[in-house]
Amino acid sequence: MTSEEATQPVPANDFSGTIWAEVDRALSGITARPEAGVKDVIVHIPRDEVIAGLRRLKADAALHFDYLRCLSGIDREADGIEVVYHLYSTDKKHNLTVKTTLPMDDLNVATATTVWRGANWLERETAEMFGVRFTGHPDPRTLLMPEDMTDVHPLLKSHPLAEIEVLQGEGMGYPEEGA
């Protein structure tokens, strides 16, 4: 595969040439919906099944996602917060993105520290920036914000300074973005 082919998005509903078949097999019995990503597949798993799914993806011999590259959030406003897990297999050399969506009125999901110890700091950061609570987290202390600022989440689009931050960034984009 050329580098140009590797950067082309996977056509919608065409997962040939991706690891989706192996992921689907590993997640048998778990609700999983694939989405075409730029290089591979994004898998959506409901929050009550996401930790079981992550465990299977790590333990499966054909996939072996032994490395949690990143864990973060995306504010989808009225649609809730997406918690995003970027996985990598150090021996199989493949990536997978797993997403779970939390409703704005219930920003709780089980901790992934039971799957990867490295999720500890990533979850602490996501908790502070987005207000997500990781149930069962072994060390939920603040990481970046002052300890008394538990009701301020800077990466939420509803944050009071969000509009100012957008204004400050105007004109800083690439020309093709129209900024």
Protein backbone atom coordinates (compact mmCIF):
# COMPACT_ATOMS: atom_id res chain seq x y z
CA MET A 1 0.00 0.00 0.00
CA THR A 2 1.42 3.39 -0.96
CA SER A 3 1.46 6.29 1.52
CA GLU A 4 -1.20 8.00 -0.61
CA GLU A 5 -3.47 4.94 -0.37
CA ALA A 6 -2.90 4.75 3.38
CA THR A 7 -4.24 8.27 3.91
CA GLN A 8 -7.42 7.75 1.86
CA PRO A 9 -10.54 7.27 4.02
CA VAL A 10 -12.03 3.80 4.22
CA PRO A 11 -15.20 3.89 2.07
CA ALA A 12 -18.38 3.81 4.16
CA ASN A 13 -19.46 0.23 4.88
CA ASP A 14 -16.39 -1.19 3.10
CA PHE A 15 -14.07 -2.55 5.73
CA SER A 16 -12.07 -4.87 3.46
CA GLY A 17 -8.37 -4.37 3.98
CA THR A 18 -8.94 -3.30 7.60
CA ILE A 19 -8.84 -5.20 10.87
CA TRP A 20 -12.62 -4.93 11.29
CA ALA A 21 -13.26 -8.67 10.75
CA GLU A 22 -10.82 -9.53 13.57
CA VAL A 23 -12.23 -6.80 15.83
CA ASP A 24 -15.80 -7.98 15.16
CA ARG A 25 -14.80 -11.55 16.00
CA ALA A 26 -13.04 -10.49 19.23
CA LEU A 27 -16.05 -8.42 20.29
CA SER A 28 -18.57 -11.21 19.66
CA GLY A 29 -21.50 -10.70 22.05
CA ILE A 30 -20.57 -7.04 22.66
CA THR A 31 -22.53 -4.31 20.91
CA ALA A 32 -20.07 -2.74 18.47
CA ARG A 33 -20.72 -0.45 15.52
CA PRO A 34 -17.89 0.21 13.04
CA GLU A 35 -17.26 3.55 11.38
CA ALA A 36 -14.82 4.23 8.57
CA GLY A 37 -11.77 6.16 9.73
CA VAL A 38 -9.00 7.76 7.70
CA LYS A 39 -6.59 4.84 8.12
CA ASP A 40 -8.64 2.19 9.81
CA VAL A 41 -11.82 1.52 11.70
CA ILE A 42 -13.40 3.39 14.58
CA VAL A 43 -15.53 1.19 16.83
CA HIS A 44 -18.41 2.57 18.89
CA ILE A 45 -19.22 0.53 22.01
CA PRO A 46 -21.90 1.46 24.59
CA ARG A 47 -20.47 2.61 27.90
CA ASP A 48 -21.82 -0.34 29.87
CA GLU A 49 -19.85 -2.70 27.58
CA VAL A 50 -16.77 -0.60 26.76
CA ILE A 51 -14.45 -1.99 29.46
CA ALA A 52 -15.35 -5.60 28.57
CA GLY A 53 -14.68 -4.72 24.93
CA LEU A 54 -11.33 -3.10 25.72
CA ARG A 55 -10.31 -6.16 27.76
CA ARG A 56 -11.11 -8.46 24.85
CA LEU A 57 -9.25 -6.26 22.37
CA LYS A 58 -6.17 -6.38 24.60
CA ALA A 59 -6.35 -10.13 25.35
CA ASP A 60 -7.17 -11.33 21.83
CA ALA A 61 -4.08 -13.05 20.38
CA ALA A 62 -4.75 -11.85 16.81
CA LEU A 63 -5.22 -8.21 17.85
CA HIS A 64 -3.21 -7.80 21.08
CA PHE A 65 -3.89 -4.10 21.74
CA ASP A 66 -1.36 -3.90 24.54
CA TYR A 67 -0.81 -0.15 24.42
CA LEU A 68 -3.28 2.62 25.21
CA ARG A 69 -1.80 5.48 23.18
CA CYS A 70 -4.26 8.12 24.28
CA LEU A 71 -7.56 8.55 26.06
CA SER A 72 -9.43 11.81 25.62
CA GLY A 73 -12.84 13.38 25.23
CA ILE A 74 -14.85 15.18 22.57
CA ASP A 75 -17.65 17.56 23.49
CA ARG A 76 -20.56 16.82 21.16
CA GLU A 77 -22.69 19.37 23.05
CA ALA A 78 -26.31 18.13 23.25
CA ASP A 79 -25.23 14.70 22.00
CA GLY A 80 -22.95 14.23 25.02
CA ILE A 81 -19.27 13.59 25.57
CA GLU A 82 -17.40 10.96 23.57
CA VAL A 83 -14.64 9.20 25.47
CA VAL A 84 -12.05 8.13 22.90
CA TYR A 85 -9.54 5.33 23.40
CA HIS A 86 -6.66 5.14 20.87
CA LEU A 87 -5.23 1.63 20.93
CA TYR A 88 -2.07 0.19 19.41
CA SER A 89 -0.59 -3.29 19.19
CA THR A 90 3.17 -3.11 19.63
CA ASP A 91 3.76 -6.53 18.08
CA LYS A 92 1.01 -6.60 15.42
CA LYS A 93 1.60 -2.94 14.45
CA HIS A 94 -2.03 -1.92 14.03
CA ASN A 95 -4.22 0.82 15.49
CA LEU A 96 -7.85 1.01 16.56
CA THR A 97 -9.97 3.82 17.89
CA VAL A 98 -12.76 2.94 20.33
CA LYS A 99 -15.43 5.49 21.26
CA THR A 100 -18.20 5.49 23.81
CA THR A 101 -20.74 8.29 24.23
CA LEU A 102 -21.90 9.61 27.58
CA PRO A 103 -25.06 11.71 27.93
CA MET A 104 -24.43 15.20 29.34
CA ASP A 105 -26.60 14.45 32.38
CA ASP A 106 -24.62 11.31 33.30
CA LEU A 107 -20.89 11.66 32.56
CA ASN A 108 -19.84 8.39 34.19
CA VAL A 109 -17.94 5.46 32.70
CA ALA A 110 -15.90 2.67 34.29
CA THR A 111 -12.16 3.21 34.54
CA ALA A 112 -9.84 1.66 31.97
CA THR A 113 -7.06 1.45 34.57
CA THR A 114 -8.21 -2.15 35.13
CA VAL A 115 -7.13 -2.84 31.53
CA TRP A 116 -4.08 -0.55 31.18
CA ARG A 117 -2.41 1.06 34.20
CA GLY A 118 -1.37 3.87 31.86
CA ALA A 119 -4.99 5.05 31.69
CA ASN A 120 -4.50 6.61 35.13
CA TRP A 121 -3.20 10.04 34.14
CA LEU A 122 -5.15 10.13 30.88
CA GLU A 123 -8.42 9.63 32.76
CA ARG A 124 -7.47 12.22 35.36
CA GLU A 125 -6.84 14.76 32.62
CA THR A 126 -10.09 13.89 30.81
CA ALA A 127 -12.00 14.13 34.09
CA GLU A 128 -10.71 17.63 34.71
CA MET A 129 -11.05 18.93 31.17
CA PHE A 130 -14.49 17.43 30.35
CA GLY A 131 -16.12 16.55 33.68
CA VAL A 132 -16.17 12.80 33.00
CA ARG A 133 -16.13 10.64 36.13
CA PHE A 134 -14.24 7.35 35.77
CA THR A 135 -15.92 4.97 38.20
CA GLY A 136 -13.42 2.90 40.18
CA HIS A 137 -10.44 5.09 39.27
CA PRO A 138 -7.63 4.37 41.78
CA ASP A 139 -6.43 7.98 42.14
CA PRO A 140 -9.03 10.59 41.11
CA ARG A 141 -7.03 13.56 42.41
CA THR A 142 -6.74 16.60 40.18
CA LEU A 143 -3.79 16.63 37.85
CA LEU A 144 -3.84 20.02 36.10
CA MET A 145 -6.42 22.22 37.81
CA PRO A 146 -6.45 23.56 41.37
CA GLU A 147 -8.10 21.10 43.78
CA ASP A 148 -10.96 23.51 44.55
CA MET A 149 -11.96 23.97 40.88
CA THR A 150 -14.10 20.86 40.51
CA ASP A 151 -16.91 22.57 38.58
CA VAL A 152 -14.79 24.16 35.82
CA HIS A 153 -14.04 22.02 32.75
CA PRO A 154 -11.99 24.05 30.23
CA LEU A 155 -12.50 21.84 27.17
CA LEU A 156 -16.30 21.87 27.29
CA LYS A 157 -17.78 24.05 24.59
CA SER A 158 -20.04 25.56 27.27
CA HIS A 159 -16.98 26.82 29.22
CA PRO A 160 -17.34 30.57 29.85
CA LEU A 161 -14.09 31.39 28.04
CA ALA A 162 -14.78 29.20 24.99
CA GLU A 163 -16.13 32.11 22.94
CA ILE A 164 -13.11 34.28 23.79
CA GLU A 165 -10.76 31.43 22.87
CA VAL A 166 -12.45 31.08 19.48
CA LEU A 167 -12.13 34.81 18.85
CA GLN A 168 -8.46 34.75 19.84
CA GLY A 169 -7.83 31.93 17.36
CA GLU A 170 -9.53 33.62 14.38
CA GLY A 171 -7.19 34.04 11.44
CA MET A 172 -4.78 31.44 12.77
CA GLY A 173 -6.00 28.55 10.59
CA TYR A 174 -4.76 27.36 7.26
CA PRO A 175 -5.96 29.25 4.17
CA GLU A 176 -7.99 26.25 2.96
CA GLU A 177 -9.96 26.38 6.24
CA GLY A 178 -11.19 29.87 5.39
CA ALA A 179 -9.62 31.36 8.51
